[in-house]
């Protein structure tokens, strides 16, 4: 049992995604100072008094002077600290200067350039063949987040979501993988100095429960991700080499290459399918320059292409290559065609019910579209159509033979308080009246007409209009 549990834990760790925060606010980091270097003995150090900081200090420092912030903390490693300059010569600090600590407020959680995908041990993940769309470069709801040990940081967690869910968070060498443990850390003194903004980080301790994968969950903050990414790259997307580039879901900029959208069944396993594509197709020498991203996404559905209706989950495969000019996207297009051929042959066994391919290359004006539906789905649709036609034909045959009568719809005529038609001159006209039992006029003569020479019989009809009586009965 213990062996089985350990194997399951290893499998869960292998399926988990770890993302590491890159910036830090350490005292010794040169990029944290406006002079591009750490302070030396003759320098005067200034922290802005109204800026909140959390600063980790690794080693001892001698300084001429230092102005501290009103709100902040210094985390001192063993042996680290500060001492006043005693006037001795420092070969690396000939002339003193005022060195200011850089503003750390601009480091935002939803900036893809500030995160790295790493292994569970903290090493950088394999690069080159597998990449992530921009929304998935930021920690997703089932990811593990790592802040490097012996580093300080400050990050803005402004979000369109009230809560940012994560599987676990590791910081200062301690891992928090339960809601209770993380809630205890948030109540401590360091958390408000490290995290600021309107969002709240929440540790769930649970990974993705579906073998078909889980959507990242960063779509509500997609605009924040793209704004931060474009700000870092010059505020605009690079011009693609193809004339009709593709827009993958969750990606900020259009690309040349191919996208494949897969509809899947409960038998589909995302990790196994990714391994299959890497081992059997992507690893081939002819596809050396191709990169692939594969994940579950939610595609918005609309009514008549305008009215939002709902969203449906699908597996998105994005393929890009290093081709330039007319060759841009051509190798990715060839790999996409091979993937579609593999789906046609083995899709049903892999849990893929249908696939749709779109391509954009430098040699074509518009994207080519291809699709494949598994034979099981196609047979079901054909049988359903034939059954519907047979049912309709049977109804029509019975109707023509007189063995089936269609229902007749009777529409009652409204009563306006007057008898519109009379079957004989002896029938009195019925007017609107307060008491329908007795207010009956008989005989009836038209306005301005002479009464008849011979009076009709005194017998007359009384119409009972009270609903408590049967209106069809007459009394003479």
Protein backbone atom coordinates (compact mmCIF):
# COMPACT_ATOMS: atom_id res chain seq x y z
CA UNK A 1 0.00 0.00 0.00
CA UNK A 2 2.81 2.40 0.89
CA UNK A 3 4.56 1.55 -2.38
CA UNK A 4 1.38 2.24 -4.33
CA UNK A 5 0.86 5.57 -2.58
CA UNK A 6 4.44 6.61 -3.34
CA UNK A 7 3.98 5.72 -7.01
CA UNK A 8 0.77 7.76 -7.16
CA UNK A 9 2.54 10.72 -5.58
CA UNK A 10 5.32 10.49 -8.15
CA UNK A 11 2.77 10.39 -10.96
CA UNK A 12 0.96 13.41 -9.53
CA UNK A 13 4.25 15.29 -9.27
CA UNK A 14 5.13 14.40 -12.86
CA UNK A 15 1.78 15.72 -14.09
CA UNK A 16 1.99 18.94 -12.04
CA UNK A 17 3.41 22.13 -13.52
CA UNK A 18 5.88 24.24 -11.53
CA UNK A 19 6.37 27.93 -12.27
CA UNK A 20 9.09 30.01 -10.62
CA UNK A 21 9.01 33.75 -9.99
CA UNK A 22 12.10 35.44 -11.50
CA UNK A 23 12.54 38.94 -9.95
CA UNK A 24 13.74 39.49 -6.41
CA UNK A 25 14.30 42.42 -4.07
CA UNK A 26 17.59 41.23 -2.59
CA UNK A 27 20.04 43.85 -1.32
CA UNK A 28 22.95 42.38 -3.33
CA UNK A 29 21.10 42.22 -6.70
CA UNK A 30 22.63 44.90 -8.94
CA UNK A 31 19.43 45.49 -10.95
CA UNK A 32 17.61 46.58 -7.78
CA UNK A 33 19.66 49.82 -7.60
CA UNK A 34 19.54 52.87 -9.84
CA UNK A 35 23.34 52.82 -10.33
CA UNK A 36 23.24 49.26 -11.65
CA UNK A 37 25.38 48.02 -8.74
CA UNK A 38 25.01 47.18 -5.07
CA UNK A 39 26.00 49.90 -2.58
CA UNK A 40 29.59 50.09 -1.32
CA UNK A 41 31.19 51.57 1.80
CA UNK A 42 31.34 55.25 0.77
CA UNK A 43 27.78 55.31 -0.64
CA UNK A 44 24.71 56.82 0.90
CA UNK A 45 21.79 54.38 0.56
CA UNK A 46 18.26 55.70 0.18
CA UNK A 47 14.99 53.79 0.34
CA UNK A 48 11.94 55.86 -0.57
CA UNK A 49 10.12 56.50 2.68
CA UNK A 50 6.63 55.81 1.26
CA UNK A 51 7.59 52.65 -0.64
CA UNK A 52 6.86 49.33 1.04
CA UNK A 53 9.77 46.89 0.71
CA UNK A 54 10.86 43.43 1.78
CA UNK A 55 14.64 43.08 1.37
CA UNK A 56 16.74 39.97 1.90
CA UNK A 57 20.37 40.60 2.94
CA UNK A 58 22.83 37.77 2.30
CA UNK A 59 26.10 39.23 3.63
CA UNK A 60 27.49 41.98 5.92
CA UNK A 61 27.72 45.53 4.52
CA UNK A 62 29.56 48.70 5.58
CA UNK A 63 27.84 51.95 4.59
CA UNK A 64 28.35 55.68 5.00
CA UNK A 65 24.67 56.39 5.54
CA UNK A 66 21.28 54.73 4.96
CA UNK A 67 17.73 56.11 4.91
CA UNK A 68 15.11 53.46 5.63
CA UNK A 69 11.46 53.25 4.51
CA UNK A 70 8.61 53.89 6.94
CA UNK A 71 7.13 50.45 6.25
CA UNK A 72 9.23 47.45 5.31
CA UNK A 73 11.42 44.61 6.51
CA UNK A 74 15.01 43.40 6.21
CA UNK A 75 15.48 39.62 6.25
CA UNK A 76 19.03 38.88 7.37
CA UNK A 77 20.82 35.66 6.51
CA UNK A 78 23.19 34.14 9.01
CA UNK A 79 26.12 36.54 9.44
CA UNK A 80 24.51 39.35 7.45
CA UNK A 81 24.09 42.89 8.80
CA UNK A 82 25.14 46.55 8.50
CA UNK A 83 27.98 48.56 10.00
CA UNK A 84 29.02 52.24 9.85
CA UNK A 85 31.88 53.13 7.51
CA UNK A 86 35.11 53.60 9.46
CA UNK A 87 36.99 55.58 6.80
CA UNK A 88 39.20 52.74 5.61
CA UNK A 89 40.04 52.46 1.93
CA UNK A 90 37.75 50.33 -0.25
CA UNK A 91 39.27 49.48 -3.65
CA UNK A 92 35.85 49.00 -5.22
CA UNK A 93 34.40 52.26 -3.93
CA UNK A 94 36.72 55.20 -4.64
CA UNK A 95 34.10 57.97 -4.57
CA UNK A 96 30.85 57.77 -2.69
CA UNK A 97 27.46 58.34 -4.33
CA UNK A 98 23.78 58.30 -3.47
CA UNK A 99 22.40 54.92 -4.45
CA UNK A 100 18.60 54.51 -4.56
CA UNK A 101 16.67 51.28 -4.28
CA UNK A 102 14.57 50.67 -7.40
CA UNK A 103 10.78 50.67 -7.29
CA UNK A 104 9.46 47.10 -7.02
CA UNK A 105 5.79 48.05 -7.35
CA UNK A 106 5.76 47.45 -11.13
CA UNK A 107 6.32 43.68 -10.83
CA UNK A 108 2.89 42.20 -11.59
CA UNK A 109 1.68 38.62 -11.18
CA UNK A 110 0.15 38.42 -14.67
CA UNK A 111 3.36 39.21 -16.56
CA UNK A 112 4.44 36.11 -18.52
CA UNK A 113 8.02 37.38 -18.79
CA UNK A 114 8.47 37.17 -15.00
CA UNK A 115 7.82 33.39 -14.75
CA UNK A 116 9.82 30.29 -15.67
CA UNK A 117 8.63 26.71 -16.08
CA UNK A 118 10.78 24.49 -13.88
CA UNK A 119 10.99 20.91 -12.71
CA UNK A 120 9.80 19.87 -9.23
CA UNK A 121 13.39 20.29 -8.00
CA UNK A 122 13.54 23.87 -9.27
CA UNK A 123 15.67 23.27 -12.39
CA UNK A 124 14.65 24.88 -15.65
CA UNK A 125 12.31 22.73 -17.71
CA UNK A 126 13.22 21.45 -21.17
CA UNK A 127 13.00 24.17 -23.78
CA UNK A 128 12.67 24.17 -27.53
CA UNK A 129 9.98 21.67 -28.53
CA UNK A 130 7.12 22.31 -26.08
CA UNK A 131 5.87 25.80 -25.31
CA UNK A 132 2.80 27.33 -23.65
CA UNK A 133 0.35 29.88 -24.97
CA UNK A 134 0.70 33.21 -23.18
CA UNK A 135 -2.15 32.74 -20.68
CA UNK A 136 -0.56 29.46 -19.54
CA UNK A 137 2.88 30.99 -18.99
CA UNK A 138 1.45 32.54 -15.82
CA UNK A 139 0.60 30.09 -12.99
CA UNK A 140 -2.69 28.28 -13.63
CA UNK A 141 -5.19 27.15 -11.03
CA UNK A 142 -3.60 23.70 -10.57
CA UNK A 143 0.06 24.79 -10.76
CA UNK A 144 2.74 24.89 -8.07
CA UNK A 145 4.42 28.28 -7.53
CA UNK A 146 8.03 28.63 -6.37
CA UNK A 147 9.71 31.72 -4.96
CA UNK A 148 13.41 30.96 -4.72
CA UNK A 149 14.84 30.27 -1.26
CA UNK A 150 16.84 33.10 0.35
CA UNK A 151 15.21 35.74 -1.80
CA UNK A 152 12.79 38.53 -1.04
CA UNK A 153 10.16 39.80 -3.45
CA UNK A 154 7.18 42.09 -3.88
CA UNK A 155 4.46 41.31 -6.44
CA UNK A 156 1.25 43.06 -7.47
CA UNK A 157 -1.63 40.55 -7.55
CA UNK A 158 -4.28 42.86 -9.07
CA UNK A 159 -6.77 40.59 -10.83
CA UNK A 160 -10.21 40.47 -12.42
CA UNK A 161 -10.83 37.49 -10.14
CA UNK A 162 -11.37 37.87 -6.44
CA UNK A 163 -9.36 34.70 -5.72
CA UNK A 164 -6.36 33.32 -7.63
CA UNK A 165 -6.31 29.56 -6.99
CA UNK A 166 -3.05 27.59 -6.92
CA UNK A 167 -2.08 24.06 -5.95
CA UNK A 168 0.82 25.09 -3.70
CA UNK A 169 3.24 27.93 -2.94
CA UNK A 170 6.86 27.59 -1.86
CA UNK A 171 8.72 30.59 -0.42
CA UNK A 172 11.68 31.15 1.90
CA UNK A 173 12.34 27.40 1.69
CA UNK A 174 8.92 26.45 3.05
CA UNK A 175 6.10 24.80 1.04
CA UNK A 176 2.45 25.58 1.71
CA UNK A 177 0.14 22.96 0.19
CA UNK A 178 -3.00 23.24 2.31
CA UNK A 179 -5.51 26.06 2.76
CA UNK A 180 -4.95 26.11 6.52
CA UNK A 181 -1.17 26.44 6.32
CA UNK A 182 -1.37 29.20 3.72
CA UNK A 183 -4.02 31.10 5.68
CA UNK A 184 -1.66 31.05 8.67
CA UNK A 185 1.15 32.57 6.59
CA UNK A 186 -1.10 35.33 5.27
CA UNK A 187 -1.79 36.41 8.85
CA UNK A 188 1.94 36.89 9.46
CA UNK A 189 3.91 40.16 9.09
CA UNK A 190 5.72 39.37 5.82
CA UNK A 191 2.77 38.52 3.54
CA UNK A 192 1.40 42.11 3.26
CA UNK A 193 4.91 43.32 2.33
CA UNK A 194 5.35 40.63 -0.34
CA UNK A 195 1.86 40.62 -1.94
CA UNK A 196 -0.23 43.69 -2.67
CA UNK A 197 -3.23 44.40 -4.90
CA UNK A 198 -6.92 43.53 -4.99
CA UNK A 199 -6.45 39.81 -5.67
CA UNK A 200 -6.01 37.09 -3.06
CA UNK A 201 -3.84 34.02 -3.53
CA UNK A 202 -5.55 30.83 -2.39
CA UNK A 203 -3.80 27.46 -1.96
CA UNK A 204 -6.08 24.47 -2.61
CA UNK A 205 -3.62 21.57 -2.34
CA UNK A 206 -5.39 19.72 -5.19
CA UNK A 207 -4.26 19.03 -8.73
CA UNK A 208 -6.25 18.66 -11.92
CA UNK A 209 -8.79 15.85 -11.39
CA UNK A 210 -9.37 15.05 -15.08
CA UNK A 211 -7.07 12.91 -17.20
CA UNK A 212 -8.26 14.93 -20.21
CA UNK A 213 -6.61 17.97 -18.62
CA UNK A 214 -7.97 21.15 -17.09
CA UNK A 215 -8.29 24.64 -18.50
CA UNK A 216 -5.77 27.10 -17.08
CA UNK A 217 -8.32 29.54 -15.67
CA UNK A 218 -6.48 32.75 -16.57
CA UNK A 219 -8.90 33.85 -19.30
CA UNK A 220 -10.55 36.56 -17.11
CA UNK A 221 -7.11 38.19 -16.81
CA UNK A 222 -6.10 37.64 -20.42
CA UNK A 223 -6.07 41.39 -21.08
CA UNK A 224 -3.66 41.91 -18.17
CA UNK A 225 -1.36 39.21 -19.48
CA UNK A 226 -1.28 40.64 -22.99
CA UNK A 227 -0.82 44.21 -21.74
CA UNK A 228 2.18 43.19 -19.63
CA UNK A 229 3.64 41.07 -22.45
CA UNK A 230 3.33 43.80 -25.08
CA UNK A 231 4.73 46.42 -22.70
CA UNK A 232 7.84 44.29 -22.34
CA UNK A 233 8.16 43.71 -26.11
CA UNK A 234 7.50 47.21 -27.44
CA UNK A 235 3.71 47.51 -27.05
CA UNK A 236 2.86 45.67 -30.28
CA UNK A 237 2.92 42.16 -31.66
CA UNK A 238 5.61 41.29 -34.22
CA UNK A 239 4.38 41.28 -37.80
CA UNK A 240 3.81 37.66 -38.92
CA UNK A 241 5.26 36.49 -42.24
CA UNK A 242 1.99 34.92 -43.42
CA UNK A 243 -0.87 36.97 -44.88
CA UNK A 244 -3.69 35.39 -42.85
CA UNK A 245 -2.17 34.49 -39.46
CA UNK A 246 -3.97 32.37 -36.87
CA UNK A 247 -5.14 33.48 -33.41
CA UNK A 248 -4.80 30.57 -30.95
CA UNK A 249 -7.00 30.69 -27.87
CA UNK A 250 -5.06 32.07 -24.89
CA UNK A 251 -2.32 33.59 -27.06
CA UNK A 252 -1.79 37.33 -27.37
CA UNK A 253 -0.38 37.57 -30.90
CA UNK A 254 -1.25 35.93 -34.20
CA UNK A 255 1.06 33.23 -35.51
CA UNK A 256 1.98 31.40 -38.70
CA UNK A 257 1.70 27.62 -38.64
CA UNK A 258 -1.26 25.42 -37.74
CA UNK A 259 -3.85 24.87 -35.05
CA UNK A 260 -5.83 21.68 -34.44
CA UNK A 261 -8.97 21.64 -32.30
CA UNK A 262 -9.96 18.22 -30.96
CA UNK A 263 -13.32 17.10 -29.57
CA UNK A 264 -12.71 14.31 -27.10
CA UNK A 265 -14.49 11.52 -25.24
CA UNK A 266 -14.09 10.41 -21.59
CA UNK A 267 -11.37 7.99 -22.73
CA UNK A 268 -9.00 10.79 -23.79
CA UNK A 269 -5.76 11.20 -21.79
CA UNK A 270 -4.01 14.53 -22.44
CA UNK A 271 -0.59 13.58 -21.06
CA UNK A 272 -0.49 10.28 -22.95
CA UNK A 273 -1.53 11.96 -26.17
CA UNK A 274 1.14 14.65 -25.79
CA UNK A 275 3.77 11.95 -25.21
CA UNK A 276 2.49 10.14 -28.31
CA UNK A 277 2.83 13.23 -30.50
CA UNK A 278 6.31 14.03 -29.18
CA UNK A 279 7.67 10.50 -29.55
CA UNK A 280 6.11 9.47 -32.86
CA UNK A 281 5.94 12.75 -34.80
CA UNK A 282 7.58 15.81 -33.25
CA UNK A 283 10.86 13.99 -32.61
CA UNK A 284 11.33 13.18 -36.31
CA UNK A 285 14.34 14.97 -37.86
CA UNK A 286 12.22 16.74 -40.48
CA UNK A 287 10.30 18.52 -37.69
CA UNK A 288 13.35 19.79 -35.81
CA UNK A 289 12.31 23.43 -36.16
CA UNK A 290 8.70 22.91 -34.99
CA UNK A 291 7.38 23.82 -31.55
CA UNK A 292 4.12 22.54 -30.10
CA UNK A 293 1.69 23.71 -27.42
CA UNK A 294 -1.16 21.44 -26.34
CA UNK A 295 -3.73 22.06 -23.62
CA UNK A 296 -7.43 22.08 -22.81
CA UNK A 297 -9.17 25.38 -23.53
CA UNK A 298 -12.75 26.66 -23.48
CA UNK A 299 -14.07 28.01 -26.78
CA UNK A 300 -16.95 30.48 -26.58
CA UNK A 301 -20.11 29.50 -28.45
CA UNK A 302 -22.48 32.07 -29.95
CA UNK A 303 -25.97 32.05 -31.44
CA UNK A 304 -25.93 33.28 -35.06
CA UNK A 305 -22.33 34.34 -34.51
CA UNK A 306 -23.37 37.30 -32.35
CA UNK A 307 -25.17 36.36 -29.12
CA UNK A 308 -22.93 34.66 -26.51
CA UNK A 309 -24.37 31.28 -25.59
CA UNK A 310 -21.91 29.13 -23.66
CA UNK A 311 -18.42 27.67 -23.90
CA UNK A 312 -17.30 24.18 -24.79
CA UNK A 313 -14.04 22.43 -23.76
CA UNK A 314 -11.69 21.22 -26.46
CA UNK A 315 -8.05 20.25 -26.86
CA UNK A 316 -6.02 22.85 -28.74
CA UNK A 317 -2.77 21.94 -30.49
CA UNK A 318 -0.68 24.89 -31.73
CA UNK A 319 2.23 24.28 -34.11
CA UNK A 320 4.77 26.93 -35.13
CA UNK A 321 8.12 26.63 -36.88
CA UNK A 322 11.26 28.65 -37.53
CA UNK A 323 10.57 29.16 -41.23
CA UNK A 324 10.89 32.65 -42.73
CA UNK A 325 9.26 34.36 -45.69
CA UNK A 326 7.37 32.01 -47.97
CA UNK A 327 8.51 29.04 -45.85
CA UNK A 328 6.94 30.37 -42.65
CA UNK A 329 4.56 27.78 -41.22
CA UNK A 330 5.04 25.19 -43.97
CA UNK A 331 6.78 22.61 -41.77
CA UNK A 332 4.15 23.09 -39.06
CA UNK A 333 1.46 22.60 -41.69
CA UNK A 334 3.02 19.29 -42.74
CA UNK A 335 3.15 18.09 -39.13
CA UNK A 336 -0.51 19.09 -38.67
CA UNK A 337 -1.43 17.01 -41.70
CA UNK A 338 0.38 14.01 -40.21
CA UNK A 339 -1.48 14.50 -36.92
CA UNK A 340 -4.82 14.59 -38.75
CA UNK A 341 -3.90 11.40 -40.58
CA UNK A 342 -3.06 9.75 -37.26
CA UNK A 343 -6.44 10.86 -35.89
CA UNK A 344 -8.20 9.38 -38.92
CA UNK A 345 -6.57 6.02 -38.22
CA UNK A 346 -6.46 5.87 -34.42
CA UNK A 347 -8.69 8.70 -33.17
CA UNK A 348 -11.42 6.47 -31.76
CA UNK A 349 -8.93 4.39 -29.75
CA UNK A 350 -7.30 7.57 -28.44
CA UNK A 351 -10.59 9.08 -27.28
CA UNK A 352 -10.78 11.69 -30.06
CA UNK A 353 -14.20 12.07 -31.65
CA UNK A 354 -13.33 14.75 -34.22
CA UNK A 355 -10.57 17.16 -35.22
CA UNK A 356 -10.42 20.40 -37.17
CA UNK A 357 -7.23 21.85 -38.65
CA UNK A 358 -6.46 25.43 -39.69
CA UNK A 359 -3.19 26.52 -41.27
CA UNK A 360 -1.51 29.78 -42.25
CA UNK A 361 1.77 29.82 -44.14
CA UNK A 362 3.83 32.35 -46.02
CA UNK A 363 2.98 30.67 -49.32
CA UNK A 364 -0.83 30.75 -49.02
CA UNK A 365 -3.19 33.72 -48.98
CA UNK A 366 -5.71 32.21 -46.57
CA UNK A 367 -5.74 29.38 -44.10
CA UNK A 368 -6.64 25.92 -45.34
CA UNK A 369 -9.23 24.12 -43.25
CA UNK A 370 -9.52 20.38 -42.82
CA UNK A 371 -11.56 18.22 -40.49
CA UNK A 372 -12.07 14.62 -39.49
CA UNK A 373 -14.88 12.98 -37.58
CA UNK A 374 -14.55 9.49 -36.15
CA UNK A 375 -16.49 6.72 -37.90
CA UNK A 376 -18.61 6.01 -34.81
CA UNK A 377 -19.98 9.57 -34.74
CA UNK A 378 -20.55 9.56 -38.51
CA UNK A 379 -22.48 6.27 -38.44
CA UNK A 380 -24.63 7.57 -35.59
CA UNK A 381 -25.52 10.72 -37.50
CA UNK A 382 -26.41 8.77 -40.66
CA UNK A 383 -28.57 6.27 -38.77
CA UNK A 384 -30.36 9.09 -36.96
CA UNK A 385 -31.10 10.84 -40.25
CA UNK A 386 -32.43 7.64 -41.86
CA UNK A 387 -34.66 6.92 -38.87
CA UNK A 388 -36.10 10.44 -39.02
CA UNK A 389 -36.88 10.10 -42.75
CA UNK A 390 -38.55 6.71 -42.24
CA UNK A 391 -40.70 8.10 -39.42
CA UNK A 392 -41.79 11.08 -41.52
CA UNK A 393 -42.60 8.82 -44.50
CA UNK A 394 -44.69 6.48 -42.32
CA UNK A 395 -46.77 9.37 -40.97
CA UNK A 396 -47.39 10.68 -44.48
CA UNK A 397 -48.42 7.18 -45.75
CA UNK A 398 -50.94 6.64 -42.93
CA UNK A 399 -52.41 10.10 -43.47
CA UNK A 400 -53.02 9.51 -47.18
CA UNK A 401 -54.61 6.11 -46.48
CA UNK A 402 -57.04 7.77 -44.07
CA UNK A 403 -55.76 5.78 -41.11
CA UNK A 404 -54.35 8.84 -39.42
CA UNK A 405 -56.23 12.06 -38.82
CA UNK A 406 -54.45 15.23 -37.91
CA UNK A 407 -55.97 17.23 -35.01
CA UNK A 408 -58.22 20.15 -35.95
CA UNK A 409 -57.68 23.36 -34.10
CA UNK A 410 -60.94 25.12 -33.04
CA UNK A 411 -60.63 28.81 -32.27
CA UNK A 412 -63.58 30.15 -30.20
CA UNK A 413 -65.16 33.38 -31.39
CA UNK A 414 -65.25 36.15 -28.79
CA UNK A 415 -68.69 37.28 -27.55
CA UNK A 416 -69.08 41.05 -27.69
CA UNK A 417 -72.36 41.38 -25.77
CA UNK A 418 -74.67 41.31 -28.79
CA UNK A 419 -76.23 38.55 -30.85
CA UNK A 420 -74.57 39.17 -34.20
CA UNK A 421 -76.74 36.72 -36.14
CA UNK A 422 -80.42 35.64 -35.79
CA UNK A 423 -81.84 32.52 -37.31
CA UNK A 424 -85.42 33.85 -37.38
CA UNK A 425 -87.18 37.18 -36.83
CA UNK A 426 -88.79 35.73 -33.71
CA UNK A 427 -85.47 35.40 -31.92
CA UNK A 428 -84.88 38.37 -29.73
CA UNK A 429 -81.64 40.25 -29.81
CA UNK A 430 -79.49 39.96 -26.70
CA UNK A 431 -77.80 43.10 -25.50
CA UNK A 432 -75.05 43.68 -22.98
CA UNK A 433 -76.68 44.05 -19.59
CA UNK A 434 -76.01 43.88 -15.93
CA UNK A 435 -78.33 40.98 -15.11
CA UNK A 436 -78.13 38.38 -17.85
CA UNK A 437 -80.99 36.42 -16.33
CA UNK A 438 -83.79 38.91 -16.96
CA UNK A 439 -82.71 41.86 -19.10
CA UNK A 440 -83.95 40.46 -22.42
CA UNK A 441 -85.61 42.48 -25.14
CA UNK A 442 -88.22 40.77 -27.33
CA UNK A 443 -89.16 41.36 -30.03
CA UNK A 444 -86.40 43.28 -31.61
CA UNK A 445 -86.89 46.07 -34.09
CA UNK A 446 -84.26 48.01 -35.82
CA UNK A 447 -83.83 51.66 -35.02
CA UNK A 448 -86.25 53.86 -36.97
CA UNK A 449 -88.35 50.94 -38.29
CA UNK A 450 -92.12 50.59 -38.05
CA UNK A 451 -93.27 47.75 -35.85
CA UNK A 452 -94.70 44.82 -37.77
CA UNK A 453 -98.44 44.75 -38.48
CA UNK A 454 -98.80 41.32 -37.01
CA UNK A 455 -97.09 40.89 -33.68
CA UNK A 456 -95.14 37.72 -33.26
CA UNK A 457 -96.23 35.16 -30.73
CA UNK A 458 -95.80 36.20 -27.16
CA UNK A 459 -93.71 33.18 -26.59
CA UNK A 460 -90.10 34.12 -26.52
CA UNK A 461 -86.75 32.61 -25.83
CA UNK A 462 -84.75 33.32 -22.70
CA UNK A 463 -80.99 32.81 -22.97
CA UNK A 464 -79.32 31.81 -19.71
CA UNK A 465 -75.91 33.43 -19.87
CA UNK A 466 -75.08 32.75 -16.23
CA UNK A 467 -72.27 30.12 -16.20
CA UNK A 468 -74.13 28.19 -13.50
CA UNK A 469 -76.75 27.20 -16.10
CA UNK A 470 -76.52 25.27 -19.31
CA UNK A 471 -76.57 27.91 -22.04
CA UNK A 472 -77.85 25.38 -24.58
CA UNK A 473 -81.22 24.96 -22.85
CA UNK A 474 -84.12 27.28 -23.75
CA UNK A 475 -87.34 27.98 -21.98
CA UNK A 476 -90.57 28.84 -23.81
